Amino acid sequence: MNAKRNLAFTAVVLLVTSVLLAGISPIATAQNDDVKIAVLQPRPQKGLYFYGTWAIQGFKIGLQYATDSPDWEGPYEMDNGTNINIRIFDTEGTPQVGVSKARQAITSWNADLLFGTSHSPVATSIQRIAETYETPFFMAPAASADLTQKPKFNKYIFRVGRSNWHDAKTSAYYYSEEQDVDTVAYLSIDQTFGQNGVETAKKAFEDYGVESVATEFAPPDTKNFKPYLQRIKNKDPDILYIVWAGSGFAPLYKGINNMEMMDKAVGSVIDLFTMNRVNLLSGGLYEGAEGFCYFAYDVNSGPEYDFLVETMQENDIRPDAFAAAYSQEEGDMFDKLSKASVPELWHGQAFASAQFIVEGLRRGSVSNPEGLIKAWEGMELETPIGATIIRPEDHQGVRPMYIARAVVDSAEDDIGSSDTVGLIIGDRMTKVPREYIDPPIKTDYEPISEEE
């Protein structure tokens, strides 16, 4: 019996003993069990804390939608009378703290389920806690492919959102099949994120018959990209695939522009904050950038997406409120961002994670994790990120992706557009069906749904 079950067993024994001594029938006092979900996300004191804010906001709105609750902040009561309680635990963006908080959530707060986190190394560490305590863990927005591709698979983890494979395979499919690209070069940040991203992208492009002709890794603090870009230009690739993160986007795009290679650059439509900040610092060079899109305001569609947008606007939920600190005057870009009540990059998958959790609780119970796992394996739901299936073999969510272009919102000030007029947003170009972009299966896991 593991530690979590020991705690639960002791609690039950004490409860039954007390009611018997009081002369009360345990059956007469039975109530629907509450479900506790520990939300593990970084909070404001660390970099990229706003990723955690977006995930928390999206998760709460998803719980509201899935339970038909009147308020996005709760309470969340299911149709069978079960109450869902959440508590936020600050991971501080580090594996050590993440592990400590996950263990605390389970052993001290008696959490039944875990949701989080924004950083893949933190998610990697927390999943071991989930396995030890047999506690289902929905990971978001951590995107490392390794999380769901280890041969020795941890059956307690689930990821509704994307892995790095989605980005790579979407780009490879679109540019090879719809743009007739034959050769590709890579310019990447020289760290684990970039190295893994290039490795994944190379495999994806090669699978579609696109030849990789050059690969350049530049340090994160690079200011002069000319040497790297010159070597790439000498190979004359059809496209330049960029794998970058952090604060170096502005000099990177300036360098690409100076080398007259903007027409080859493959970018992406990501979060509003990053796109607008890069566009400002680069002198407008991000406008017109196109590439893969996972989830973005005005790109996704459907009833669940509409509910997300409407809820944010009705409740004045501002994902990028922190941007006000960068504002120089009322009405400038940062001021507009801080006042925009529209979804950001991680809202969609956090919302979808909440949907899957609630639907699983309708079909199973936290007292029987095996039954819950069986319920989730193969489950399909309509979500803000599109029709999504939890693949039984590796618990990876599979769904469509998009190709989009970064454009300035010039719409009239009407509902759904007034918050972003004058800002860079996404313009949907095409939808890529999931059958072309599903990540490969690398586990040897035997799904519970197939055992019976």
Protein backbone atom coordinates (compact mmCIF):
# COMPACT_ATOMS: atom_id res chain seq x y z
CA MET A 1 0.00 0.00 0.00
CA ASN A 2 1.55 3.35 -1.03
CA ALA A 3 1.76 6.47 1.13
CA LYS A 4 -1.30 8.12 -0.37
CA ARG A 5 -3.47 5.06 0.16
CA ASN A 6 -2.14 4.73 3.72
CA LEU A 7 -3.34 8.26 4.45
CA ALA A 8 -6.74 7.60 2.90
CA PHE A 9 -7.13 4.26 4.71
CA THR A 10 -6.27 5.84 8.09
CA ALA A 11 -8.78 8.65 7.49
CA VAL A 12 -11.54 6.18 6.64
CA VAL A 13 -10.84 4.06 9.73
CA LEU A 14 -10.97 7.12 11.99
CA LEU A 15 -14.20 8.34 10.37
CA VAL A 16 -15.97 4.98 10.66
CA THR A 17 -14.78 4.54 14.25
CA SER A 18 -16.01 7.98 15.28
CA VAL A 19 -19.46 7.61 13.76
CA LEU A 20 -19.94 4.15 15.27
CA LEU A 21 -18.97 5.43 18.72
CA ALA A 22 -21.47 8.23 18.27
CA GLY A 23 -24.16 5.72 17.38
CA ILE A 24 -24.58 7.08 13.86
CA SER A 25 -24.78 4.88 10.78
CA PRO A 26 -21.93 5.55 8.32
CA ILE A 27 -24.39 5.12 5.45
CA ALA A 28 -26.69 7.80 6.85
CA THR A 29 -23.87 10.37 6.92
CA ALA A 30 -22.35 9.52 3.51
CA GLN A 31 -22.00 12.40 1.08
CA ASN A 32 -20.57 12.82 -2.39
CA ASP A 33 -16.80 12.97 -2.09
CA ASP A 34 -15.09 16.20 -2.97
CA VAL A 35 -12.30 16.03 -5.55
CA LYS A 36 -9.12 18.00 -4.94
CA ILE A 37 -6.97 19.17 -7.86
CA ALA A 38 -3.54 20.64 -7.18
CA VAL A 39 -2.62 23.25 -9.79
CA LEU A 40 1.18 23.36 -10.06
CA GLN A 41 2.33 26.47 -11.92
CA PRO A 42 5.01 29.18 -11.55
CA ARG A 43 3.83 32.39 -9.95
CA PRO A 44 5.01 36.01 -10.33
CA GLN A 45 8.48 35.93 -8.79
CA LYS A 46 10.07 33.93 -11.64
CA GLY A 47 10.58 34.51 -15.36
CA LEU A 48 7.76 33.42 -17.70
CA TYR A 49 5.41 33.37 -14.73
CA PHE A 50 2.70 34.67 -17.06
CA TYR A 51 2.67 31.20 -18.66
CA GLY A 52 1.37 29.92 -15.33
CA THR A 53 -1.20 32.71 -15.16
CA TRP A 54 -2.56 31.79 -18.60
CA ALA A 55 -2.77 28.10 -17.66
CA ILE A 56 -4.56 28.85 -14.39
CA GLN A 57 -7.07 31.17 -16.05
CA GLY A 58 -7.80 28.71 -18.85
CA PHE A 59 -8.13 25.80 -16.42
CA LYS A 60 -10.64 27.63 -14.24
CA ILE A 61 -12.75 28.67 -17.24
CA GLY A 62 -12.60 25.08 -18.50
CA LEU A 63 -13.87 23.83 -15.13
CA GLN A 64 -16.69 26.35 -15.30
CA TYR A 65 -17.64 25.15 -18.78
CA ALA A 66 -17.38 21.44 -18.00
CA THR A 67 -19.39 21.65 -14.75
CA ASP A 68 -21.82 24.32 -15.97
CA SER A 69 -20.92 26.45 -12.96
CA PRO A 70 -22.10 30.08 -12.79
CA ASP A 71 -18.68 31.59 -12.03
CA TRP A 72 -15.27 30.97 -13.56
CA GLU A 73 -13.67 31.25 -10.10
CA GLY A 74 -15.95 28.49 -8.77
CA PRO A 75 -17.42 26.76 -6.92
CA TYR A 76 -17.41 23.88 -9.40
CA GLU A 77 -20.13 21.32 -8.71
CA MET A 78 -20.66 18.38 -11.05
CA ASP A 79 -24.12 17.13 -12.00
CA ASN A 80 -23.71 14.16 -9.61
CA GLY A 81 -23.16 16.50 -6.66
CA THR A 82 -19.39 16.13 -6.54
CA ASN A 83 -17.55 19.35 -5.71
CA ILE A 84 -14.21 20.05 -7.39
CA ASN A 85 -11.78 22.04 -5.27
CA ILE A 86 -8.53 23.47 -6.60
CA ARG A 87 -5.49 24.89 -4.85
CA ILE A 88 -2.58 26.62 -6.56
CA PHE A 89 0.95 25.53 -5.62
CA ASP A 90 3.84 27.71 -6.77
CA THR A 91 6.55 25.64 -8.49
CA GLU A 92 8.78 28.73 -8.87
CA GLY A 93 9.74 27.24 -12.24
CA THR A 94 12.26 24.80 -10.74
CA PRO A 95 12.20 20.97 -10.58
CA GLN A 96 13.21 20.90 -6.91
CA VAL A 97 10.40 23.18 -5.78
CA GLY A 98 7.95 21.52 -8.16
CA VAL A 99 8.63 18.09 -6.66
CA SER A 100 8.33 19.46 -3.12
CA LYS A 101 5.02 21.16 -3.85
CA ALA A 102 3.60 18.12 -5.65
CA ARG A 103 4.48 15.88 -2.71
CA GLN A 104 3.04 18.43 -0.29
CA ALA A 105 -0.17 18.66 -2.32
CA ILE A 106 -0.68 14.90 -2.16
CA THR A 107 0.45 14.10 1.39
CA SER A 108 -0.69 17.24 3.24
CA TRP A 109 -3.65 18.48 1.20
CA ASN A 110 -4.70 15.01 -0.02
CA ALA A 111 -4.82 16.05 -3.66
CA ASP A 112 -6.54 13.53 -5.92
CA LEU A 113 -5.26 14.92 -9.22
CA LEU A 114 -2.43 17.14 -10.41
CA PHE A 115 -2.45 19.77 -13.18
CA GLY A 116 0.64 21.64 -14.52
CA THR A 117 3.25 22.87 -15.31
CA SER A 118 4.80 25.48 -17.62
CA HIS A 119 8.33 24.08 -17.73
CA SER A 120 9.18 20.66 -19.17
CA PRO A 121 12.01 19.92 -16.67
CA VAL A 122 9.57 20.59 -13.82
CA ALA A 123 6.92 18.35 -15.39
CA THR A 124 9.54 15.62 -15.86
CA SER A 125 10.31 15.68 -12.15
CA ILE A 126 6.70 15.90 -10.98
CA GLN A 127 5.63 12.91 -13.04
CA ARG A 128 7.76 10.68 -10.80
CA ILE A 129 5.75 11.89 -7.80
CA ALA A 130 2.54 11.16 -9.69
CA GLU A 131 3.70 7.60 -10.30
CA THR A 132 4.89 7.06 -6.74
CA TYR A 133 1.57 8.17 -5.25
CA GLU A 134 -0.56 6.76 -8.09
CA THR A 135 -2.04 10.20 -8.73
CA PRO A 136 -3.12 11.16 -12.29
CA PHE A 137 -1.19 14.17 -13.61
CA PHE A 138 -2.42 16.29 -16.53
CA MET A 139 0.60 18.12 -17.90
CA ALA A 140 0.23 21.58 -19.44
CA PRO A 141 1.71 23.48 -21.11
CA ALA A 142 5.02 21.55 -20.94
CA ALA A 143 5.79 20.45 -24.52
CA SER A 144 8.89 18.25 -24.40
CA ALA A 145 8.29 15.18 -26.60
CA ASP A 146 10.15 12.99 -24.09
CA LEU A 147 7.39 13.38 -21.50
CA THR A 148 5.08 11.03 -23.42
CA GLN A 149 7.63 9.08 -25.45
CA LYS A 150 9.66 7.10 -22.93
CA PRO A 151 9.49 3.36 -23.73
CA LYS A 152 8.96 2.64 -20.01
CA PHE A 153 5.81 4.70 -19.81
CA ASN A 154 4.28 6.31 -16.71
CA LYS A 155 0.57 5.54 -17.06
CA TYR A 156 -0.42 8.27 -14.58
CA ILE A 157 0.54 11.12 -16.91
CA PHE A 158 -1.66 12.71 -19.56
CA ARG A 159 -1.06 15.58 -21.96
CA VAL A 160 -3.98 17.10 -23.82
CA GLY A 161 -1.77 19.83 -25.30
CA ARG A 162 0.88 19.66 -27.95
CA SER A 163 4.36 18.17 -27.97
CA ASN A 164 7.27 19.56 -29.98
CA TRP A 165 6.39 17.07 -32.71
CA HIS A 166 3.19 18.95 -33.49
CA ASP A 167 5.12 22.10 -34.35
CA ALA A 168 7.68 20.29 -36.47
CA LYS A 169 5.30 18.01 -38.36
CA THR A 170 2.84 20.83 -39.07
CA SER A 171 5.61 22.89 -40.66
CA ALA A 172 7.04 19.92 -42.55
CA TYR A 173 3.66 18.90 -43.96
CA TYR A 174 2.64 22.40 -45.02
CA TYR A 175 5.88 23.49 -46.65
CA SER A 176 6.58 20.21 -48.39
CA GLU A 177 3.07 19.23 -49.47
CA GLU A 178 1.47 22.62 -50.06
CA GLN A 179 4.46 24.88 -50.86
CA ASP A 180 6.66 22.38 -52.76
CA VAL A 181 9.74 23.07 -50.65
CA ASP A 182 12.74 20.81 -51.35
CA THR A 183 15.47 22.09 -49.00
CA VAL A 184 15.54 23.54 -45.50
CA ALA A 185 18.15 25.14 -43.23
CA TYR A 186 17.96 25.60 -39.47
CA LEU A 187 18.98 28.48 -37.23
CA SER A 188 18.59 27.62 -33.57
CA ILE A 189 19.39 28.78 -30.08
CA ASP A 190 22.31 26.77 -28.71
CA GLN A 191 20.68 25.11 -25.72
CA THR A 192 18.62 22.00 -25.02
CA PHE A 193 15.38 23.52 -26.31
CA GLY A 194 16.97 24.41 -29.63
CA GLN A 195 18.92 21.20 -30.02
CA ASN A 196 15.85 19.05 -29.39
CA GLY A 197 13.74 21.29 -31.60
CA VAL A 198 16.14 20.96 -34.53
CA GLU A 199 16.42 17.19 -34.07
CA THR A 200 12.64 16.84 -34.16
CA ALA A 201 12.23 19.20 -37.12
CA LYS A 202 14.92 17.46 -39.17
CA LYS A 203 13.23 14.11 -38.73
CA ALA A 204 9.84 15.60 -39.62
CA PHE A 205 11.09 17.34 -42.77
CA GLU A 206 13.09 14.30 -43.88
CA ASP A 207 9.98 12.14 -43.50
CA TYR A 208 8.35 14.39 -46.09
CA GLY A 209 11.36 14.24 -48.40
CA VAL A 210 12.79 17.69 -47.62
CA GLU A 211 16.60 17.80 -47.53
CA SER A 212 18.36 19.54 -44.63
CA VAL A 213 21.23 21.55 -46.14
CA ALA A 214 22.55 23.60 -43.19
CA THR A 215 22.27 23.82 -39.41
CA GLU A 216 23.54 26.71 -37.30
CA PHE A 217 23.41 27.04 -33.51
CA ALA A 218 23.91 30.50 -32.00
CA PRO A 219 24.40 31.36 -28.30
CA PRO A 220 21.34 32.80 -26.49
CA ASP A 221 23.01 36.22 -26.11
CA THR A 222 23.96 36.56 -29.80
CA LYS A 223 23.63 40.11 -31.12
CA ASN A 224 25.28 39.63 -34.51
CA PHE A 225 23.70 36.82 -36.54
CA LYS A 226 25.47 37.65 -39.80
CA PRO A 227 28.11 34.86 -39.68
CA TYR A 228 25.48 32.20 -39.04
CA LEU A 229 23.11 33.54 -41.66
CA GLN A 230 25.87 33.93 -44.25
CA ARG A 231 26.80 30.27 -43.99
CA ILE A 232 23.14 29.37 -44.38
CA LYS A 233 22.68 31.74 -47.33
CA ASN A 234 25.64 30.12 -49.07
CA LYS A 235 23.64 26.84 -49.10
CA ASP A 236 20.65 28.62 -50.70
CA PRO A 237 17.84 26.74 -48.88
CA ASP A 238 14.22 27.13 -49.93
CA ILE A 239 13.23 27.96 -46.35
CA LEU A 240 14.90 28.91 -43.06
CA TYR A 241 13.38 27.11 -40.07
CA ILE A 242 13.89 29.06 -36.84
CA VAL A 243 14.03 27.46 -33.39
CA TRP A 244 14.47 30.25 -30.86
CA ALA A 245 13.39 31.26 -27.36
CA GLY A 246 14.11 34.08 -24.95
CA SER A 247 14.99 37.71 -25.60
CA GLY A 248 17.05 37.41 -28.79
CA PHE A 249 14.21 37.52 -31.31
CA ALA A 250 14.63 41.19 -32.22
CA PRO A 251 18.32 41.02 -33.28
CA LEU A 252 17.60 37.68 -34.98
CA TYR A 253 14.88 39.16 -37.18
CA LYS A 254 16.93 42.27 -37.86
CA GLY A 255 19.78 40.03 -38.97
CA ILE A 256 17.52 38.00 -41.25
CA ASN A 257 16.17 41.20 -42.77
CA ASN A 258 19.67 42.64 -43.30
CA MET A 259 20.67 39.47 -45.13
CA GLU A 260 17.56 39.79 -47.34
CA MET A 261 16.25 36.40 -46.18
CA MET A 262 12.88 37.37 -44.72
CA ASP A 263 11.07 35.64 -47.58
CA LYS A 264 12.67 32.34 -46.50
CA ALA A 265 12.03 32.60 -42.75
CA VAL A 266 9.55 30.17 -41.20
CA GLY A 267 8.19 31.64 -38.01
CA SER A 268 5.09 30.91 -35.98
CA VAL A 269 2.02 32.58 -34.57
CA ILE A 270 2.47 32.34 -30.82
CA ASP A 271 1.35 34.51 -27.91
CA LEU A 272 0.26 38.12 -28.31
CA PHE A 273 2.79 39.41 -25.80
CA THR A 274 5.81 37.88 -27.52
CA MET A 275 4.71 38.69 -31.08
CA ASN A 276 3.98 42.32 -30.27
CA ARG A 277 7.12 42.80 -28.21
CA VAL A 278 9.33 41.32 -30.96
CA ASN A 279 7.55 43.37 -33.60
CA LEU A 280 8.15 46.55 -31.61
CA LEU A 281 11.83 45.88 -30.88
CA SER A 282 12.57 44.76 -34.45
CA GLY A 283 10.95 47.78 -36.06
CA GLY A 284 7.90 45.93 -37.38
CA LEU A 285 9.64 42.88 -38.85
CA TYR A 286 7.39 40.29 -37.19
CA GLU A 287 4.36 41.56 -39.04
CA GLY A 288 3.74 39.12 -41.89
CA ALA A 289 5.64 36.25 -40.25
CA GLU A 290 3.92 32.95 -40.94
CA GLY A 291 4.20 29.40 -39.75
CA PHE A 292 2.68 26.83 -37.42
CA CYS A 293 0.05 27.87 -34.91
CA TYR A 294 -1.04 25.80 -31.96
CA PHE A 295 -3.62 28.08 -30.38
CA ALA A 296 -4.16 31.80 -30.86
CA TYR A 297 -6.79 34.45 -30.50
CA ASP A 298 -8.86 34.78 -33.69
CA VAL A 299 -7.31 31.62 -35.20
CA ASN A 300 -9.18 28.85 -33.39
CA SER A 301 -12.95 28.53 -33.57
CA GLY A 302 -15.94 26.56 -32.28
CA PRO A 303 -18.45 26.72 -29.39
CA GLU A 304 -15.87 25.95 -26.69
CA TYR A 305 -13.50 28.59 -28.06
CA ASP A 306 -16.37 31.10 -28.19
CA PHE A 307 -17.24 30.33 -24.55
CA LEU A 308 -13.62 30.98 -23.57
CA VAL A 309 -13.52 34.36 -25.35
CA GLU A 310 -16.93 35.47 -24.09
CA THR A 311 -16.12 34.49 -20.50
CA MET A 312 -12.86 36.43 -20.58
CA GLN A 313 -14.54 39.53 -21.98
CA GLU A 314 -17.55 39.40 -19.66
CA ASN A 315 -15.32 39.04 -16.59
CA ASP A 316 -12.56 41.40 -17.77
CA ILE A 317 -9.93 38.65 -17.47
CA ARG A 318 -6.65 40.18 -18.64
CA PRO A 319 -3.87 37.62 -19.34
CA ASP A 320 -1.22 40.26 -20.08
CA ALA A 321 -2.07 42.73 -17.31
CA PHE A 322 1.61 42.64 -16.30
CA ALA A 323 2.48 44.44 -19.57
CA ALA A 324 1.23 47.71 -18.07
CA ALA A 325 4.56 48.00 -16.26
CA TYR A 326 6.29 48.48 -19.65
CA SER A 327 3.84 51.13 -20.88
CA GLN A 328 5.15 54.63 -21.54
CA GLU A 329 1.82 56.29 -22.24
CA GLU A 330 -1.87 55.46 -22.42
CA GLY A 331 -2.78 53.72 -25.65
CA ASP A 332 0.68 52.42 -26.54
CA MET A 333 1.25 48.76 -27.38
CA PHE A 334 1.95 47.60 -23.83
CA ASP A 335 -1.03 49.52 -22.47
CA LYS A 336 -3.32 47.88 -25.06
CA LEU A 337 -1.93 44.44 -24.27
CA SER A 338 -2.49 44.96 -20.55
CA LYS A 339 -6.16 45.75 -21.16
CA ALA A 340 -6.93 42.99 -23.69
CA SER A 341 -9.40 40.38 -22.44
CA VAL A 342 -8.67 37.73 -25.05
CA PRO A 343 -7.10 34.24 -24.82
CA GLU A 344 -3.34 33.79 -24.83
CA LEU A 345 -1.23 30.86 -25.96
CA TRP A 346 -1.94 28.42 -23.11
CA HIS A 347 -5.58 29.15 -22.36
CA GLY A 348 -6.90 26.62 -24.88
CA GLN A 349 -5.07 23.52 -23.69
CA ALA A 350 -5.64 24.34 -20.01
CA PHE A 351 -9.37 24.69 -20.73
CA ALA A 352 -9.30 21.36 -22.61
CA SER A 353 -7.44 19.65 -19.76
CA ALA A 354 -10.22 20.68 -17.38
CA GLN A 355 -12.82 19.28 -19.79
CA PHE A 356 -11.10 15.89 -19.90
CA ILE A 357 -10.65 15.76 -16.14
CA VAL A 358 -14.33 16.46 -15.49
CA GLU A 359 -15.52 13.99 -18.12
CA GLY A 360 -13.23 11.36 -16.60
CA LEU A 361 -14.75 12.01 -13.18
CA ARG A 362 -18.20 11.43 -14.68
CA ARG A 363 -17.09 7.98 -15.82
CA GLY A 364 -14.83 7.01 -12.94
CA SER A 365 -13.70 7.85 -9.42
CA VAL A 366 -10.51 9.15 -7.84
CA SER A 367 -10.73 6.20 -5.45
CA ASN A 368 -9.99 3.95 -8.43
CA PRO A 369 -7.14 5.47 -10.50
CA GLU A 370 -7.05 2.46 -12.80
CA GLY A 371 -10.69 3.03 -13.71
CA LEU A 372 -10.03 6.71 -14.35
CA ILE A 373 -7.09 5.91 -16.60
CA LYS A 374 -9.23 3.48 -18.55
CA ALA A 375 -11.92 6.17 -18.95
CA TRP A 376 -9.44 8.71 -20.30
CA GLU A 377 -7.71 6.36 -22.73
CA GLY A 378 -9.24 6.98 -26.14
CA MET A 379 -11.57 9.72 -24.88
CA GLU A 380 -12.48 12.32 -27.52
CA LEU A 381 -13.92 15.77 -26.82
CA GLU A 382 -14.59 18.97 -28.72
CA THR A 383 -12.38 21.63 -27.13
CA PRO A 384 -11.12 25.17 -27.83
CA ILE A 385 -8.07 23.58 -29.49
CA GLY A 386 -10.23 21.42 -31.76
CA ALA A 387 -11.48 17.85 -31.63
CA THR A 388 -8.97 16.14 -29.32
CA ILE A 389 -8.36 12.47 -28.57
CA ILE A 390 -6.22 11.09 -25.74
CA ARG A 391 -4.22 8.41 -27.51
CA PRO A 392 -4.32 5.19 -25.41
CA GLU A 393 -0.75 4.12 -26.22
CA ASP A 394 0.98 7.17 -24.71
CA HIS A 395 -1.75 9.44 -23.28
CA GLN A 396 -0.74 12.15 -25.74
CA GLY A 397 -3.52 14.40 -26.96
CA VAL A 398 -3.80 14.45 -30.76
CA ARG A 399 -5.67 17.13 -32.65
CA PRO A 400 -5.34 19.44 -35.69
CA MET A 401 -2.93 22.36 -36.00
CA TYR A 402 -2.92 25.52 -38.09
CA ILE A 403 -0.76 27.62 -40.35
CA ALA A 404 -1.27 31.30 -39.61
CA ARG A 405 0.20 34.72 -40.35
CA ALA A 406 1.02 37.53 -37.91
CA VAL A 407 -1.05 40.59 -38.92
CA VAL A 408 -2.08 43.90 -37.40
CA ASP A 409 -5.70 43.82 -36.28
CA SER A 410 -7.39 46.60 -38.21
CA ALA A 411 -10.99 45.56 -37.49
CA GLU A 412 -13.60 48.02 -36.38
CA ASP A 413 -14.18 48.40 -32.65
CA ASP A 414 -16.83 45.73 -32.28
CA ILE A 415 -17.23 42.82 -29.88
CA GLY A 416 -14.38 40.37 -30.26
CA SER A 417 -11.93 42.75 -31.90
CA SER A 418 -11.87 46.03 -29.97
CA ASP A 419 -9.33 44.80 -27.43
CA THR A 420 -6.69 44.07 -30.08
CA VAL A 421 -7.12 46.79 -32.71
CA GLY A 422 -3.62 47.96 -33.62
CA LEU A 423 -1.95 44.88 -32.14
CA ILE A 424 -0.36 41.91 -33.88
CA ILE A 425 -2.74 38.93 -33.85
CA GLY A 426 -2.98 35.69 -35.83
CA ASP A 427 -4.70 35.34 -39.19
CA ARG A 428 -5.61 31.74 -39.94
CA MET A 429 -4.36 30.51 -43.33
CA THR A 430 -5.13 26.79 -43.27
CA LYS A 431 -5.98 23.92 -40.95
CA VAL A 432 -3.72 20.86 -40.93
CA PRO A 433 -5.64 17.63 -40.13
CA ARG A 434 -4.31 15.58 -37.22
CA GLU A 435 -3.59 12.47 -39.31
CA TYR A 436 -0.66 14.30 -40.93
CA ILE A 437 0.91 15.59 -37.73
CA ASP A 438 0.38 13.03 -34.95
CA PRO A 439 3.59 12.50 -32.93
CA PRO A 440 5.17 9.06 -33.29
CA ILE A 441 4.41 6.45 -30.64
CA LYS A 442 7.55 5.35 -28.81
CA THR A 443 6.20 3.61 -25.71
CA ASP A 444 5.78 -0.08 -25.04
CA TYR A 445 2.77 0.59 -22.81
CA GLU A 446 -0.23 -1.73 -22.93
CA PRO A 447 -3.33 0.49 -22.51
CA ILE A 448 -5.70 -0.46 -19.72
CA SER A 449 -8.58 -0.10 -22.18
CA GLU A 450 -7.12 -2.97 -24.18
CA GLU A 451 -6.41 -5.30 -21.28
CA GLU A 452 -10.03 -6.34 -20.75
